[in-house]
Amino acid sequence: MSEIRFDYSRAAEKFFIKHEDIRENFKRDVIKIIKHDHSEQVNFKNLKGKFKGYSRIAINGYRIIYKKYKDEITIIYVIHAGTRGDVYKHI
């Protein structure tokens, strides 16, 4: 498996500073998705419409919107993280 690198937008980084546990759960869930590990259920969804190309993971009532880029290194770029009602307004 190639290396996985996580990059964060400024807004996502501010969110994760306050919610370090959510960041760790997010990283764990993304790695499970990439490895196709179905041992635990991950609340994951590929988005549609104007958000096509982005994905979302829901953790403890929060949504993390991200985009995956593939090359020799898989880069996960987190666009925004926040509550359900707030997160889609900032994409």
Protein backbone atom coordinates (compact mmCIF):
# COMPACT_ATOMS: atom_id res chain seq x y z
CA MET A 1 0.00 0.00 0.00
CA SER A 2 1.26 3.46 -0.82
CA GLU A 3 1.86 6.14 1.76
CA ILE A 4 -1.16 8.15 2.91
CA ARG A 5 -0.74 11.86 3.57
CA PHE A 6 -3.39 14.04 5.18
CA ASP A 7 -3.62 17.76 4.34
CA TYR A 8 -6.14 20.12 5.90
CA SER A 9 -7.73 23.39 4.88
CA ARG A 10 -7.41 26.19 7.42
CA ALA A 11 -11.02 25.70 8.54
CA ALA A 12 -10.56 21.95 8.95
CA GLU A 13 -7.34 22.42 10.93
CA LYS A 14 -9.10 24.85 13.31
CA PHE A 15 -11.86 22.28 13.81
CA PHE A 16 -9.42 19.44 14.45
CA ILE A 17 -7.42 21.46 16.98
CA LYS A 18 -10.57 21.52 19.12
CA HIS A 19 -11.57 17.93 18.27
CA GLU A 20 -8.37 15.87 18.21
CA ASP A 21 -10.35 12.67 18.89
CA ILE A 22 -12.40 13.25 15.73
CA ARG A 23 -9.16 13.73 13.71
CA GLU A 24 -7.81 10.38 14.92
CA ASN A 25 -11.11 8.62 14.21
CA PHE A 26 -11.22 10.22 10.75
CA LYS A 27 -7.69 9.02 9.91
CA ARG A 28 -8.53 5.52 11.15
CA ASP A 29 -11.73 5.41 9.07
CA VAL A 30 -10.04 6.65 5.88
CA ILE A 31 -7.36 3.98 6.21
CA LYS A 32 -10.09 1.34 6.64
CA ILE A 33 -11.82 2.58 3.47
CA ILE A 34 -8.60 2.54 1.45
CA LYS A 35 -7.68 -0.96 2.69
CA HIS A 36 -11.27 -2.19 2.11
CA ASP A 37 -11.41 -3.28 5.76
CA HIS A 38 -15.05 -4.03 6.53
CA SER A 39 -14.47 -5.27 10.08
CA GLU A 40 -16.24 -2.17 11.44
CA GLN A 41 -18.91 -0.07 9.78
CA VAL A 42 -17.69 3.34 8.57
CA ASN A 43 -20.32 6.02 7.96
CA PHE A 44 -18.90 6.97 4.55
CA LYS A 45 -20.55 8.40 1.45
CA ASN A 46 -19.43 9.63 -1.97
CA LEU A 47 -21.21 12.91 -2.55
CA LYS A 48 -23.25 13.77 -5.66
CA GLY A 49 -24.42 16.81 -7.57
CA LYS A 50 -22.39 19.97 -7.08
CA PHE A 51 -20.25 18.06 -4.52
CA LYS A 52 -19.31 15.30 -7.00
CA GLY A 53 -15.73 14.15 -6.47
CA TYR A 54 -15.86 14.73 -2.72
CA SER A 55 -16.57 12.20 0.01
CA ARG A 56 -17.84 12.50 3.55
CA ILE A 57 -17.38 10.63 6.76
CA ALA A 58 -19.72 11.15 9.71
CA ILE A 59 -18.27 10.77 13.20
CA ASN A 60 -20.16 11.59 16.42
CA GLY A 61 -22.59 13.96 14.73
CA TYR A 62 -19.86 15.79 12.79
CA ARG A 63 -19.22 15.62 9.04
CA ILE A 64 -15.76 15.68 7.47
CA ILE A 65 -15.71 16.54 3.77
CA TYR A 66 -12.61 15.47 1.90
CA LYS A 67 -11.17 14.70 -1.51
CA LYS A 68 -8.80 11.84 -2.28
CA TYR A 69 -5.99 12.30 -4.79
CA LYS A 70 -4.15 9.24 -6.08
CA ASP A 71 -0.59 9.04 -7.31
CA GLU A 72 2.38 7.28 -5.78
CA ILE A 73 1.17 8.78 -2.50
CA THR A 74 -2.50 8.94 -1.63
CA ILE A 75 -3.29 12.45 -0.43
CA ILE A 76 -6.43 13.07 1.56
CA TYR A 77 -7.30 16.77 1.50
CA VAL A 78 -9.88 17.72 4.12
CA ILE A 79 -12.02 20.56 2.83
CA HIS A 80 -14.15 21.25 5.88
CA ALA A 81 -15.34 19.64 9.10
CA GLY A 82 -18.27 20.61 11.28
CA THR A 83 -21.87 19.86 12.15
CA ARG A 84 -24.28 18.53 9.57
CA GLY A 85 -26.16 21.80 9.16
CA ASP A 86 -22.99 23.86 8.78
CA VAL A 87 -20.47 21.81 6.83
CA TYR A 88 -22.05 21.88 3.35
CA LYS A 89 -22.36 25.68 3.35
CA HIS A 90 -18.58 26.11 3.30
CA ILE A 91 -17.60 23.95 0.35
